[in-house]
């Protein structure tokens, strides 16, 4: 799922229930690995960000583990939001 599908660009830019459901179907339960923080996270939900115009969707990812070192996340780091953009596909 580490690729951008043809329908995603218009879905990401238009906030409505149908687009949110399609994005949730694609991204929910996908695992993310961040090499900078050495963390593994699992996407639990997609949601529209109304603070931006045009609308942008974010994925909410829950901390799973670190591959080395401290294996605990602080309470404020347990859930982190990432914009659905090109960096998410790397």
C-alpha atoms as a PDB file:
ATOM      1  CA  UNK A   1       0.000   0.000   0.000  1.00  0.00           C
ATOM      2  CA  UNK A   2       3.030   2.203  -0.176  1.00  0.00           C
ATOM      3  CA  UNK A   3       1.903   3.907  -3.359  1.00  0.00           C
ATOM      4  CA  UNK A   4      -0.494   6.654  -4.348  1.00  0.00           C
ATOM      5  CA  UNK A   5      -3.550   5.449  -6.241  1.00  0.00           C
ATOM      6  CA  UNK A   6      -5.201   7.489  -9.008  1.00  0.00           C
ATOM      7  CA  UNK A   7      -8.291   8.359  -6.949  1.00  0.00           C
ATOM      8  CA  UNK A   8      -6.379   9.496  -3.850  1.00  0.00           C
ATOM      9  CA  UNK A   9      -5.394  13.019  -4.905  1.00  0.00           C
ATOM     10  CA  UNK A  10      -8.988  14.163  -5.402  1.00  0.00           C
ATOM     11  CA  UNK A  11     -10.149  12.224  -2.312  1.00  0.00           C
ATOM     12  CA  UNK A  12      -7.516  13.872  -0.124  1.00  0.00           C
ATOM     13  CA  UNK A  13      -8.503  17.361  -1.297  1.00  0.00           C
ATOM     14  CA  UNK A  14     -12.276  16.941  -0.857  1.00  0.00           C
ATOM     15  CA  UNK A  15     -13.663  16.329   2.622  1.00  0.00           C
ATOM     16  CA  UNK A  16     -16.715  14.110   2.667  1.00  0.00           C
ATOM     17  CA  UNK A  17     -17.798  10.848   4.282  1.00  0.00           C
ATOM     18  CA  UNK A  18     -17.276   8.745   1.148  1.00  0.00           C
ATOM     19  CA  UNK A  19     -13.670   9.896   0.716  1.00  0.00           C
ATOM     20  CA  UNK A  20     -12.925   9.389   4.392  1.00  0.00           C
ATOM     21  CA  UNK A  21     -14.297   5.839   4.201  1.00  0.00           C
ATOM     22  CA  UNK A  22     -12.188   5.018   1.105  1.00  0.00           C
ATOM     23  CA  UNK A  23      -9.040   6.390   2.763  1.00  0.00           C
ATOM     24  CA  UNK A  24      -9.803   4.457   5.957  1.00  0.00           C
ATOM     25  CA  UNK A  25     -10.252   1.256   3.940  1.00  0.00           C
ATOM     26  CA  UNK A  26      -6.840   1.731   2.353  1.00  0.00           C
ATOM     27  CA  UNK A  27      -4.774   2.898   5.328  1.00  0.00           C
ATOM     28  CA  UNK A  28      -6.330   1.417   8.463  1.00  0.00           C
ATOM     29  CA  UNK A  29      -4.034  -1.186  10.095  1.00  0.00           C
ATOM     30  CA  UNK A  30      -1.036  -0.301   7.869  1.00  0.00           C
ATOM     31  CA  UNK A  31       2.254  -0.286   9.770  1.00  0.00           C
ATOM     32  CA  UNK A  32       4.686   2.630   9.503  1.00  0.00           C
ATOM     33  CA  UNK A  33       8.383   2.543  10.338  1.00  0.00           C
ATOM     34  CA  UNK A  34      10.212   5.788  11.080  1.00  0.00           C
ATOM     35  CA  UNK A  35      13.958   5.341  10.644  1.00  0.00           C
ATOM     36  CA  UNK A  36      14.727   8.658  12.396  1.00  0.00           C
ATOM     37  CA  UNK A  37      12.984   7.748  15.650  1.00  0.00           C
ATOM     38  CA  UNK A  38      13.324   3.964  15.211  1.00  0.00           C
ATOM     39  CA  UNK A  39       9.589   3.543  15.913  1.00  0.00           C
ATOM     40  CA  UNK A  40       6.926   1.262  14.523  1.00  0.00           C
ATOM     41  CA  UNK A  41       3.383   2.657  14.435  1.00  0.00           C
ATOM     42  CA  UNK A  42       0.060   1.301  13.198  1.00  0.00           C
ATOM     43  CA  UNK A  43      -2.487   3.512  11.455  1.00  0.00           C
ATOM     44  CA  UNK A  44      -5.772   3.370  13.356  1.00  0.00           C
ATOM     45  CA  UNK A  45      -7.823   6.033  11.573  1.00  0.00           C
ATOM     46  CA  UNK A  46      -7.962   8.651   8.814  1.00  0.00           C
ATOM     47  CA  UNK A  47      -9.550  12.008   9.510  1.00  0.00           C
ATOM     48  CA  UNK A  48     -10.016  15.288   7.713  1.00  0.00           C
ATOM     49  CA  UNK A  49      -8.105  18.297   8.960  1.00  0.00           C
ATOM     50  CA  UNK A  50     -10.429  21.288   8.859  1.00  0.00           C
ATOM     51  CA  UNK A  51      -7.670  23.691   9.920  1.00  0.00           C
ATOM     52  CA  UNK A  52      -6.306  23.641   6.373  1.00  0.00           C
ATOM     53  CA  UNK A  53      -7.797  24.938   3.150  1.00  0.00           C
ATOM     54  CA  UNK A  54      -8.135  23.012   0.978  1.00  0.00           C
ATOM     55  CA  UNK A  55      -8.978  20.171   3.309  1.00  0.00           C
ATOM     56  CA  UNK A  56      -6.184  17.709   3.991  1.00  0.00           C
ATOM     57  CA  UNK A  57      -6.506  14.264   5.448  1.00  0.00           C
ATOM     58  CA  UNK A  58      -4.283  12.878   8.157  1.00  0.00           C
ATOM     59  CA  UNK A  59      -3.687   9.354   9.357  1.00  0.00           C
ATOM     60  CA  UNK A  60      -3.619   8.799  13.099  1.00  0.00           C
ATOM     61  CA  UNK A  61      -0.949   6.267  14.040  1.00  0.00           C
ATOM     62  CA  UNK A  62      -0.590   4.490  17.377  1.00  0.00           C
ATOM     63  CA  UNK A  63       2.823   3.661  18.847  1.00  0.00           C
ATOM     64  CA  UNK A  64       3.594  -0.064  18.697  1.00  0.00           C
ATOM     65  CA  UNK A  65       7.285  -0.388  19.570  1.00  0.00           C
ATOM     66  CA  UNK A  66      10.826   0.785  19.104  1.00  0.00           C
ATOM     67  CA  UNK A  67      13.123  -1.602  17.354  1.00  0.00           C
ATOM     68  CA  UNK A  68      15.896  -0.763  19.829  1.00  0.00           C
ATOM     69  CA  UNK A  69      16.313   1.101  23.086  1.00  0.00           C
ATOM     70  CA  UNK A  70      13.397   2.405  25.139  1.00  0.00           C
ATOM     71  CA  UNK A  71      10.250   0.478  24.157  1.00  0.00           C
ATOM     72  CA  UNK A  72       7.747   2.827  25.830  1.00  0.00           C
ATOM     73  CA  UNK A  73       5.982   5.841  24.367  1.00  0.00           C
ATOM     74  CA  UNK A  74       4.984   8.753  26.524  1.00  0.00           C
ATOM     75  CA  UNK A  75       1.268   9.492  26.750  1.00  0.00           C
ATOM     76  CA  UNK A  76       1.518  12.478  24.396  1.00  0.00           C
ATOM     77  CA  UNK A  77       3.429  10.375  21.822  1.00  0.00           C
ATOM     78  CA  UNK A  78       1.120   7.348  21.822  1.00  0.00           C
ATOM     79  CA  UNK A  79      -1.043   8.725  18.989  1.00  0.00           C
ATOM     80  CA  UNK A  80       0.544  10.893  16.292  1.00  0.00           C
ATOM     81  CA  UNK A  81      -1.038  12.385  13.156  1.00  0.00           C
ATOM     82  CA  UNK A  82       0.670  12.440   9.777  1.00  0.00           C
ATOM     83  CA  UNK A  83      -0.585  14.267   6.693  1.00  0.00           C
ATOM     84  CA  UNK A  84      -1.246  12.021   3.721  1.00  0.00           C
ATOM     85  CA  UNK A  85       1.436  13.361   1.393  1.00  0.00           C
ATOM     86  CA  UNK A  86       4.480  12.139  -0.495  1.00  0.00           C
ATOM     87  CA  UNK A  87       6.486  11.639   2.719  1.00  0.00           C
ATOM     88  CA  UNK A  88       3.984   9.035   3.893  1.00  0.00           C
ATOM     89  CA  UNK A  89       4.769   6.925   0.798  1.00  0.00           C
ATOM     90  CA  UNK A  90       8.542   6.827   1.345  1.00  0.00           C
END
